[in-house]
N, C-alpha and C. Protein backbone atom coordinates (compact mmCIF):
# COMPACT_ATOMS: atom_id res chain seq x y z
N MET A 1 29.21 79.52 -119.05
CA MET A 1 27.74 79.98 -119.22
C MET A 1 26.90 79.13 -118.25
N LEU A 2 27.06 78.01 -118.20
CA LEU A 2 26.24 77.03 -117.30
C LEU A 2 26.43 77.46 -115.73
N THR A 3 27.58 77.95 -115.34
CA THR A 3 27.76 78.39 -114.00
C THR A 3 26.89 79.64 -113.76
N ILE A 4 26.74 80.43 -114.85
CA ILE A 4 25.95 81.61 -114.73
C ILE A 4 24.41 81.38 -114.48
N VAL A 5 24.02 80.25 -115.26
CA VAL A 5 22.67 79.77 -115.14
C VAL A 5 22.44 79.39 -113.66
N VAL A 6 23.43 78.62 -113.12
CA VAL A 6 23.22 78.23 -111.63
C VAL A 6 23.14 79.16 -110.72
N PHE A 7 24.13 80.23 -110.82
CA PHE A 7 24.05 81.23 -109.86
C PHE A 7 22.98 82.35 -110.16
N THR A 8 22.41 82.57 -111.21
CA THR A 8 21.53 83.71 -111.28
C THR A 8 20.34 83.67 -110.35
N PRO A 9 19.74 82.56 -110.09
CA PRO A 9 18.61 82.59 -109.15
C PRO A 9 19.19 83.10 -107.73
N PHE A 10 20.26 82.67 -107.35
CA PHE A 10 20.92 82.95 -106.04
C PHE A 10 21.09 84.50 -105.97
N LEU A 11 21.85 85.05 -107.05
CA LEU A 11 21.98 86.43 -107.09
C LEU A 11 20.92 87.18 -107.16
N ALA A 12 19.85 86.87 -107.96
CA ALA A 12 18.49 87.39 -108.01
C ALA A 12 17.70 87.56 -106.59
N HIS A 13 17.87 86.54 -105.99
CA HIS A 13 17.22 86.58 -104.55
C HIS A 13 18.00 87.42 -103.69
N GLN A 14 19.39 87.51 -103.77
CA GLN A 14 20.16 88.48 -102.90
C GLN A 14 19.87 89.86 -103.31
N TYR A 15 19.74 90.16 -104.64
CA TYR A 15 19.49 91.57 -104.89
C TYR A 15 18.03 91.91 -104.56
N THR A 16 17.03 90.96 -104.70
CA THR A 16 15.76 91.38 -104.31
C THR A 16 15.70 91.69 -102.87
N ALA A 17 16.34 90.76 -102.00
CA ALA A 17 16.47 91.12 -100.52
C ALA A 17 17.10 92.33 -100.32
N TYR A 18 18.08 92.69 -100.97
CA TYR A 18 18.94 93.92 -100.62
C TYR A 18 17.95 95.19 -101.02
N ARG A 19 17.25 95.07 -102.07
CA ARG A 19 16.26 96.21 -102.43
C ARG A 19 15.17 96.25 -101.48
N THR A 20 14.70 95.22 -100.91
CA THR A 20 13.67 95.11 -100.02
C THR A 20 13.99 95.48 -98.59
N PHE A 21 15.19 95.20 -98.14
CA PHE A 21 15.48 95.38 -96.78
C PHE A 21 16.37 96.59 -96.47
N CYS A 22 17.24 96.88 -97.41
CA CYS A 22 18.25 97.93 -97.29
C CYS A 22 17.81 99.14 -97.76
N THR A 23 17.70 100.13 -97.07
CA THR A 23 17.23 101.46 -97.53
C THR A 23 18.31 102.23 -98.38
N ASP A 24 17.82 103.33 -98.92
CA ASP A 24 18.82 104.14 -99.70
C ASP A 24 19.99 104.66 -98.98
N GLN A 25 19.92 104.86 -97.72
CA GLN A 25 21.06 105.36 -96.83
C GLN A 25 21.67 104.10 -96.36
N LEU A 26 23.06 103.73 -96.76
CA LEU A 26 23.56 102.56 -96.48
C LEU A 26 23.82 102.34 -94.88
N ALA A 27 24.20 103.51 -94.27
CA ALA A 27 24.43 103.36 -92.89
C ALA A 27 23.19 103.72 -92.00
N SER A 28 22.03 103.51 -92.34
CA SER A 28 20.78 103.76 -91.74
C SER A 28 20.62 102.75 -90.61
N PRO A 29 20.39 103.31 -89.39
CA PRO A 29 20.05 102.44 -88.20
C PRO A 29 19.03 101.37 -88.38
N SER A 30 18.12 101.66 -89.27
CA SER A 30 16.98 100.75 -89.39
C SER A 30 17.30 99.66 -90.33
N ASN A 31 18.60 99.60 -91.05
CA ASN A 31 18.83 98.53 -92.01
C ASN A 31 19.38 97.36 -91.07
N PRO A 32 19.10 96.19 -91.72
CA PRO A 32 19.73 95.04 -90.97
C PRO A 32 21.22 95.00 -91.05
N PRO A 33 22.03 94.32 -90.16
CA PRO A 33 23.38 94.40 -90.06
C PRO A 33 24.05 93.96 -91.37
N TRP A 34 23.37 92.95 -92.16
CA TRP A 34 24.13 92.70 -93.32
C TRP A 34 24.02 93.55 -94.62
N CYS A 35 23.35 94.57 -94.39
CA CYS A 35 23.29 95.46 -95.36
C CYS A 35 24.61 96.21 -95.52
N GLY A 36 25.33 96.49 -94.38
CA GLY A 36 26.49 97.28 -94.38
C GLY A 36 27.78 96.32 -94.64
N GLU A 37 27.54 95.04 -95.06
CA GLU A 37 28.82 94.19 -95.30
C GLU A 37 29.39 94.60 -96.78
N VAL A 38 30.61 94.18 -96.90
CA VAL A 38 31.28 94.42 -98.17
C VAL A 38 30.42 93.76 -99.30
N ILE A 39 30.02 92.47 -99.15
CA ILE A 39 29.29 91.82 -100.07
C ILE A 39 27.88 91.46 -99.27
N PRO A 40 26.95 92.18 -99.45
CA PRO A 40 25.66 92.04 -98.53
C PRO A 40 24.94 90.80 -98.94
N LEU A 41 25.03 89.70 -98.12
CA LEU A 41 24.28 88.49 -98.45
C LEU A 41 23.24 88.20 -97.30
N ILE A 42 22.06 88.03 -97.66
CA ILE A 42 21.07 87.83 -96.66
C ILE A 42 21.13 86.34 -96.12
N TYR A 43 21.51 85.42 -96.99
CA TYR A 43 21.53 84.03 -96.67
C TYR A 43 22.44 83.81 -95.46
N GLY A 44 23.67 84.29 -95.38
CA GLY A 44 24.70 83.97 -94.34
C GLY A 44 24.09 84.65 -92.99
N TYR A 45 23.52 85.82 -93.15
CA TYR A 45 22.91 86.43 -91.91
C TYR A 45 21.88 85.64 -91.41
N VAL A 46 20.91 85.12 -92.17
CA VAL A 46 19.76 84.36 -91.73
C VAL A 46 20.28 83.01 -91.08
N GLN A 47 21.40 82.46 -91.66
CA GLN A 47 21.90 81.25 -91.17
C GLN A 47 22.45 81.42 -89.77
N VAL A 48 23.11 82.57 -89.46
CA VAL A 48 23.75 82.83 -88.17
C VAL A 48 22.64 83.24 -87.29
N LYS A 49 21.76 84.13 -87.55
CA LYS A 49 20.79 84.68 -86.63
C LYS A 49 19.76 83.86 -86.27
N TYR A 50 19.14 82.98 -87.20
CA TYR A 50 18.01 82.22 -86.91
C TYR A 50 18.36 80.61 -86.71
N TRP A 51 19.20 80.33 -87.22
CA TRP A 51 19.68 78.74 -87.21
C TRP A 51 20.93 78.56 -86.44
N ASN A 52 21.62 79.52 -86.10
CA ASN A 52 22.82 79.58 -85.17
C ASN A 52 24.02 78.70 -85.88
N ASN A 53 23.96 78.91 -87.20
CA ASN A 53 25.17 78.24 -87.97
C ASN A 53 26.29 79.12 -87.86
N GLY A 54 27.38 78.43 -87.98
CA GLY A 54 28.68 79.17 -87.98
C GLY A 54 29.81 78.08 -87.21
N PHE A 55 30.86 78.37 -87.41
CA PHE A 55 32.18 77.47 -86.76
C PHE A 55 31.83 77.25 -85.35
N LEU A 56 31.46 75.98 -84.87
CA LEU A 56 31.33 75.48 -83.61
C LEU A 56 30.25 76.21 -82.76
N ARG A 57 29.37 77.00 -83.53
CA ARG A 57 28.26 77.82 -82.93
C ARG A 57 27.11 76.73 -82.44
N TYR A 58 26.90 75.62 -83.19
CA TYR A 58 25.85 74.73 -82.87
C TYR A 58 26.19 73.62 -81.78
N TRP A 59 27.59 73.65 -81.55
CA TRP A 59 28.01 72.70 -80.52
C TRP A 59 27.88 73.24 -79.09
N THR A 60 26.67 72.93 -78.68
CA THR A 60 26.31 73.28 -77.24
C THR A 60 25.72 72.03 -76.57
N VAL A 61 25.71 72.18 -75.18
CA VAL A 61 25.15 71.01 -74.62
C VAL A 61 23.74 70.75 -74.80
N ALA A 62 22.85 71.77 -75.13
CA ALA A 62 21.55 71.73 -75.38
C ALA A 62 21.34 70.88 -76.66
N GLN A 63 22.14 71.01 -77.70
CA GLN A 63 22.13 70.42 -79.03
C GLN A 63 22.78 69.00 -78.87
N SER A 64 23.28 68.57 -77.97
CA SER A 64 24.15 67.38 -77.91
C SER A 64 23.24 66.06 -78.50
N PRO A 65 21.81 66.01 -78.32
CA PRO A 65 21.14 65.07 -78.90
C PRO A 65 21.02 65.08 -80.26
N ASN A 66 20.96 66.34 -80.80
CA ASN A 66 20.91 66.53 -82.32
C ASN A 66 22.11 66.23 -82.90
N ILE A 67 23.25 66.54 -82.24
CA ILE A 67 24.54 66.22 -82.82
C ILE A 67 24.79 64.67 -82.91
N ALA A 68 24.33 64.29 -81.83
CA ALA A 68 24.40 62.64 -81.71
C ALA A 68 23.62 61.79 -82.85
N LEU A 69 22.70 62.53 -83.35
CA LEU A 69 21.96 62.13 -84.43
C LEU A 69 22.71 62.18 -85.78
N ALA A 70 23.45 63.19 -85.89
CA ALA A 70 24.13 63.47 -87.26
C ALA A 70 25.65 62.57 -87.07
N VAL A 71 26.20 62.51 -85.96
CA VAL A 71 27.63 62.05 -85.96
C VAL A 71 27.72 60.65 -86.67
N PRO A 72 26.80 59.61 -86.43
CA PRO A 72 26.96 58.33 -86.93
C PRO A 72 27.11 58.27 -88.62
N ILE A 73 26.18 59.08 -89.20
CA ILE A 73 26.09 59.27 -90.54
C ILE A 73 27.38 59.74 -91.04
N LEU A 74 27.92 60.99 -90.67
CA LEU A 74 28.98 61.57 -91.00
C LEU A 74 30.24 60.86 -90.56
N ALA A 75 30.25 59.98 -89.57
CA ALA A 75 31.37 59.14 -89.25
C ALA A 75 31.54 57.86 -90.23
N VAL A 76 30.45 57.50 -90.81
CA VAL A 76 30.37 56.39 -91.74
C VAL A 76 31.01 56.96 -93.01
N VAL A 77 30.53 58.02 -93.46
CA VAL A 77 30.94 58.73 -94.67
C VAL A 77 32.48 59.11 -94.63
N LEU A 78 32.88 59.55 -93.40
CA LEU A 78 34.23 59.98 -93.43
C LEU A 78 35.18 58.84 -93.27
N SER A 79 34.73 57.83 -92.63
CA SER A 79 35.65 56.52 -92.62
C SER A 79 35.64 55.92 -93.96
N PHE A 80 34.57 55.83 -94.68
CA PHE A 80 34.82 55.45 -96.14
C PHE A 80 35.54 56.17 -96.86
N CYS A 81 35.50 57.52 -96.81
CA CYS A 81 36.30 58.39 -97.60
C CYS A 81 37.84 58.17 -97.28
N ALA A 82 38.09 58.05 -95.90
CA ALA A 82 39.43 57.94 -95.57
C ALA A 82 39.90 56.62 -96.09
N HIS A 83 39.25 55.58 -96.00
CA HIS A 83 39.68 54.29 -96.68
C HIS A 83 39.99 54.47 -98.20
N GLN A 84 39.11 55.26 -98.88
CA GLN A 84 39.33 55.40 -100.35
C GLN A 84 40.42 56.21 -100.54
N LEU A 85 40.56 57.30 -99.78
CA LEU A 85 41.77 58.24 -100.16
C LEU A 85 43.03 57.66 -99.72
N ARG A 86 43.12 56.80 -98.52
CA ARG A 86 44.27 56.07 -98.08
C ARG A 86 44.88 55.22 -99.21
N HIS A 87 43.74 54.34 -99.63
CA HIS A 87 44.03 53.19 -100.53
C HIS A 87 44.20 53.74 -101.95
N GLY A 88 43.55 54.94 -102.17
CA GLY A 88 43.64 55.37 -103.58
C GLY A 88 45.01 55.74 -103.92
N VAL A 89 45.70 56.39 -103.03
CA VAL A 89 47.13 56.61 -103.34
C VAL A 89 47.92 55.35 -103.82
N LEU A 90 47.39 54.15 -102.92
CA LEU A 90 48.19 52.94 -103.33
C LEU A 90 47.81 52.46 -104.84
N LEU A 91 46.52 52.62 -105.07
CA LEU A 91 46.15 52.20 -106.40
C LEU A 91 46.86 53.08 -107.62
N ARG A 92 47.15 54.28 -107.24
CA ARG A 92 47.97 55.10 -108.36
C ARG A 92 49.27 54.74 -108.36
N SER A 93 49.87 54.33 -107.33
CA SER A 93 51.31 54.15 -107.27
C SER A 93 51.43 52.67 -108.07
N LEU A 94 50.34 51.73 -107.89
CA LEU A 94 50.55 50.38 -108.52
C LEU A 94 50.01 50.48 -109.97
N ASN A 95 49.46 51.76 -110.40
CA ASN A 95 48.91 51.96 -111.59
C ASN A 95 47.73 51.07 -111.91
N LEU A 96 46.90 50.98 -110.93
CA LEU A 96 45.67 50.04 -111.05
C LEU A 96 44.46 51.25 -110.88
N HIS A 97 44.30 51.95 -111.95
CA HIS A 97 43.36 53.01 -111.87
C HIS A 97 41.99 52.53 -111.71
N GLU A 98 41.57 51.58 -112.30
CA GLU A 98 40.25 50.93 -112.20
C GLU A 98 40.26 49.43 -111.94
N LEU A 99 39.50 49.09 -111.21
CA LEU A 99 39.19 47.77 -110.69
C LEU A 99 37.98 47.19 -111.31
N SER A 100 37.91 45.88 -111.53
CA SER A 100 36.62 45.38 -112.00
C SER A 100 35.61 45.56 -110.92
N THR A 101 34.33 45.25 -111.03
CA THR A 101 33.30 45.42 -109.98
C THR A 101 33.27 44.05 -109.14
N GLU A 102 34.08 42.92 -109.62
CA GLU A 102 34.09 41.86 -108.82
C GLU A 102 35.46 41.92 -108.01
N ARG A 103 35.28 41.19 -106.77
CA ARG A 103 36.44 41.23 -105.94
C ARG A 103 37.67 40.58 -106.40
N LYS A 104 38.77 41.14 -106.24
CA LYS A 104 40.06 40.72 -107.08
C LYS A 104 40.69 39.73 -105.94
N SER A 105 41.37 38.71 -106.78
CA SER A 105 42.16 37.75 -105.71
C SER A 105 43.30 38.50 -104.93
N ASP A 106 43.71 39.56 -105.41
CA ASP A 106 44.75 40.24 -104.69
C ASP A 106 44.23 40.93 -103.36
N GLY A 107 42.85 40.77 -103.06
CA GLY A 107 42.46 41.17 -101.75
C GLY A 107 42.02 42.87 -101.69
N LEU A 108 42.16 43.42 -102.91
CA LEU A 108 41.82 44.80 -102.94
C LEU A 108 40.33 44.85 -102.82
N SER A 109 39.84 45.86 -102.11
CA SER A 109 38.39 46.36 -102.10
C SER A 109 37.70 46.44 -103.47
N THR A 110 36.57 46.03 -103.64
CA THR A 110 35.79 46.46 -104.76
C THR A 110 35.50 47.91 -104.82
N PHE A 111 35.58 48.63 -103.64
CA PHE A 111 35.20 49.96 -103.57
C PHE A 111 36.40 50.82 -103.99
N LEU A 112 37.53 50.38 -104.16
CA LEU A 112 38.66 51.09 -104.53
C LEU A 112 38.79 51.44 -105.88
N ARG A 113 38.34 52.54 -106.28
CA ARG A 113 38.24 52.92 -107.80
C ARG A 113 38.86 54.39 -107.81
N ALA A 114 39.62 54.63 -108.82
CA ALA A 114 40.20 56.03 -108.94
C ALA A 114 38.99 56.98 -109.15
N SER A 115 37.92 56.48 -109.79
CA SER A 115 36.81 57.39 -110.30
C SER A 115 35.98 57.85 -108.95
N LEU A 116 36.22 57.09 -107.85
CA LEU A 116 35.54 57.51 -106.60
C LEU A 116 36.34 58.62 -105.85
N THR A 117 37.66 58.88 -106.17
CA THR A 117 38.47 59.72 -105.42
C THR A 117 37.88 61.15 -105.39
N PRO A 118 37.48 61.65 -106.46
CA PRO A 118 36.95 63.03 -106.37
C PRO A 118 35.60 63.13 -105.47
N HIS A 119 34.82 62.09 -105.54
CA HIS A 119 33.56 61.95 -104.76
C HIS A 119 34.07 61.93 -103.30
N ALA A 120 35.13 61.25 -102.99
CA ALA A 120 35.57 61.24 -101.59
C ALA A 120 36.15 62.53 -101.05
N ILE A 121 36.86 63.22 -101.95
CA ILE A 121 37.46 64.46 -101.52
C ILE A 121 36.28 65.43 -101.30
N HIS A 122 35.34 65.42 -102.17
CA HIS A 122 34.06 66.20 -101.99
C HIS A 122 33.37 65.98 -100.59
N ALA A 123 33.19 64.80 -100.41
CA ALA A 123 32.39 64.27 -99.17
C ALA A 123 33.17 64.64 -97.99
N VAL A 124 34.45 64.54 -97.91
CA VAL A 124 35.19 64.91 -96.73
C VAL A 124 35.10 66.41 -96.42
N VAL A 125 35.28 67.09 -97.51
CA VAL A 125 35.15 68.64 -97.21
C VAL A 125 33.81 69.01 -96.80
N PHE A 126 32.73 68.34 -97.51
CA PHE A 126 31.29 68.68 -97.30
C PHE A 126 30.88 68.22 -95.82
N SER A 127 31.44 67.05 -95.55
CA SER A 127 31.13 66.50 -94.14
C SER A 127 31.71 67.23 -92.97
N VAL A 128 32.92 67.61 -93.21
CA VAL A 128 33.53 68.47 -92.16
C VAL A 128 32.72 69.89 -92.09
N ILE A 129 32.51 70.51 -93.03
CA ILE A 129 31.75 71.71 -93.04
C ILE A 129 30.51 71.60 -92.38
N LEU A 130 29.68 70.56 -92.86
CA LEU A 130 28.44 70.05 -92.17
C LEU A 130 28.54 69.96 -90.61
N LEU A 131 29.70 69.16 -90.21
CA LEU A 131 29.86 68.72 -88.84
C LEU A 131 30.17 69.90 -87.89
N PHE A 132 30.91 70.90 -88.51
CA PHE A 132 31.56 72.00 -87.58
C PHE A 132 30.73 73.37 -87.80
N ALA A 133 29.97 73.46 -88.80
CA ALA A 133 29.39 74.87 -89.17
C ALA A 133 27.98 74.81 -89.50
N SER A 134 27.25 73.60 -89.36
CA SER A 134 25.82 73.52 -89.77
C SER A 134 24.98 73.04 -88.72
N ASN A 135 23.80 73.24 -88.62
CA ASN A 135 23.05 72.60 -87.64
C ASN A 135 22.61 71.09 -88.16
N THR A 136 22.02 70.21 -87.39
CA THR A 136 21.94 68.85 -87.59
C THR A 136 21.03 68.61 -88.73
N GLN A 137 19.80 69.52 -88.85
CA GLN A 137 18.90 69.22 -89.87
C GLN A 137 19.50 69.42 -91.37
N ILE A 138 20.41 70.49 -91.35
CA ILE A 138 21.06 70.67 -92.66
C ILE A 138 21.88 69.42 -92.89
N ALA A 139 22.82 68.98 -91.85
CA ALA A 139 23.75 67.89 -92.01
C ALA A 139 23.04 66.54 -92.42
N LEU A 140 22.06 66.32 -91.80
CA LEU A 140 21.25 65.12 -92.07
C LEU A 140 20.74 65.07 -93.56
N ARG A 141 20.03 66.25 -93.89
CA ARG A 141 19.48 66.38 -95.33
C ARG A 141 20.74 66.35 -96.35
N ALA A 142 21.83 66.87 -96.03
CA ALA A 142 22.80 67.04 -97.05
C ALA A 142 23.55 65.76 -97.09
N ALA A 143 23.57 65.03 -95.99
CA ALA A 143 24.36 63.65 -96.11
C ALA A 143 23.44 62.55 -96.82
N SER A 144 22.09 62.74 -96.56
CA SER A 144 21.26 61.81 -97.33
C SER A 144 21.16 62.06 -98.85
N ALA A 145 21.68 63.19 -99.27
CA ALA A 145 21.75 63.59 -100.67
C ALA A 145 22.98 63.19 -101.29
N MET A 146 24.02 62.86 -100.50
CA MET A 146 25.35 62.49 -101.05
C MET A 146 25.38 61.01 -101.51
N PRO A 147 25.80 60.60 -102.68
CA PRO A 147 25.91 59.14 -103.13
C PRO A 147 26.98 58.62 -102.21
N THR A 148 27.75 59.29 -101.62
CA THR A 148 28.98 58.69 -100.78
C THR A 148 28.29 58.03 -99.42
N THR A 149 27.16 58.58 -99.07
CA THR A 149 26.52 57.93 -97.87
C THR A 149 26.21 56.44 -98.15
N TYR A 150 25.60 56.49 -99.37
CA TYR A 150 25.08 54.98 -99.67
C TYR A 150 26.23 54.03 -100.22
N TRP A 151 27.23 54.67 -100.78
CA TRP A 151 28.31 53.86 -101.04
C TRP A 151 29.03 53.37 -99.82
N ALA A 152 29.14 54.17 -98.79
CA ALA A 152 29.75 53.91 -97.40
C ALA A 152 28.93 52.82 -96.79
N GLY A 153 27.61 52.85 -96.89
CA GLY A 153 26.77 51.84 -96.23
C GLY A 153 26.92 50.47 -96.96
N ALA A 154 27.20 50.45 -98.34
CA ALA A 154 27.32 49.18 -98.98
C ALA A 154 28.69 48.73 -98.70
N TRP A 155 29.61 49.80 -98.52
CA TRP A 155 31.00 49.08 -98.18
C TRP A 155 30.92 48.49 -96.80
N LEU A 156 30.41 49.05 -95.88
CA LEU A 156 30.12 48.42 -94.58
C LEU A 156 29.64 46.99 -94.68
N LEU A 157 28.42 46.87 -95.40
CA LEU A 157 27.66 45.67 -95.46
C LEU A 157 28.60 44.64 -96.14
N LEU A 158 29.45 44.82 -97.18
CA LEU A 158 30.32 43.83 -97.79
C LEU A 158 31.59 43.57 -97.16
N GLU A 159 32.19 44.47 -96.51
CA GLU A 159 33.50 44.50 -96.01
C GLU A 159 33.53 44.31 -94.44
N LYS A 160 32.55 44.82 -93.68
CA LYS A 160 32.49 44.79 -92.51
C LYS A 160 31.00 44.56 -91.93
N PRO A 161 30.57 43.25 -92.22
CA PRO A 161 29.25 42.98 -92.05
C PRO A 161 28.59 43.36 -90.87
N ARG A 162 29.38 43.18 -89.57
CA ARG A 162 28.75 43.41 -88.33
C ARG A 162 28.52 44.92 -88.21
N TRP A 163 29.40 45.83 -88.75
CA TRP A 163 29.19 47.15 -88.73
C TRP A 163 28.03 47.55 -89.76
N GLY A 164 28.09 46.84 -90.86
CA GLY A 164 26.93 46.97 -92.02
C GLY A 164 25.65 46.67 -91.24
N ARG A 165 25.44 45.66 -90.51
CA ARG A 165 24.08 45.33 -89.91
C ARG A 165 23.67 46.53 -88.97
N ALA A 166 24.82 47.18 -88.23
CA ALA A 166 24.60 48.17 -87.30
C ALA A 166 24.10 49.43 -88.10
N TRP A 167 24.77 49.58 -89.22
CA TRP A 167 24.36 50.76 -90.13
C TRP A 167 23.04 50.66 -90.56
N ILE A 168 22.41 49.40 -90.94
CA ILE A 168 21.10 49.23 -91.40
C ILE A 168 20.25 49.67 -90.27
N ARG A 169 20.43 49.14 -89.05
CA ARG A 169 19.61 49.49 -87.85
C ARG A 169 19.60 50.94 -87.73
N TRP A 170 20.75 51.63 -87.68
CA TRP A 170 20.92 53.07 -87.67
C TRP A 170 19.96 53.69 -88.85
N SER A 171 20.09 53.16 -89.91
CA SER A 171 19.39 54.01 -91.06
C SER A 171 17.99 53.84 -90.79
N LEU A 172 17.48 52.75 -90.12
CA LEU A 172 16.10 52.62 -90.10
C LEU A 172 15.59 53.62 -88.78
N ILE A 173 16.32 53.74 -87.85
CA ILE A 173 16.12 54.73 -86.79
C ILE A 173 16.19 56.18 -87.24
N TRP A 174 17.17 56.56 -88.10
CA TRP A 174 17.40 57.87 -88.71
C TRP A 174 16.05 58.03 -89.62
N GLY A 175 15.69 57.18 -90.53
CA GLY A 175 14.57 57.33 -91.24
C GLY A 175 13.33 57.52 -90.51
N ILE A 176 12.98 56.89 -89.43
CA ILE A 176 11.89 57.02 -88.60
C ILE A 176 12.06 58.35 -87.94
N LEU A 177 13.11 58.66 -87.44
CA LEU A 177 13.03 60.03 -86.65
C LEU A 177 13.07 61.15 -87.70
N SER A 178 13.62 60.94 -89.00
CA SER A 178 13.40 61.98 -89.95
C SER A 178 12.09 62.23 -90.41
N ILE A 179 11.32 61.35 -90.35
CA ILE A 179 9.90 61.56 -90.63
C ILE A 179 9.15 62.39 -89.68
């Protein structure tokens, strides 16, 4: 039931767009191309036509400064997730599902928690989609909304201080440019 609540506005928007832009004759030349799709969705059409989204469509020489803006954020998130997923397997094999918030004497990271694994998997999938199929503006907005981005920053500060300081400098630049 809650899923229906979440998807109802999206479906209502698609239905309204279909009724507005698609005429009664489905194959009419005046209809936009998305009207003839098996599942006619205006959102995907707008993403491709006006924002050039799609697999590797944004990867052009002209967009390289924008891509360079998003790569550091996504690289930090992906490296943190790789660390979590690589060592999360070790935790499960050692049957250490949860570590306390304090650093352990066995040298294991305070960020290695089994409860972070689903977040890490989500962040990897989401970051890869953002990197290869979205424009920079979407990637930066979405990355700033993921808690994994900030966990990754804290991980760098505590476990790789030199990189953590670089992350803080980059975050300041990112924030200023975003404004």
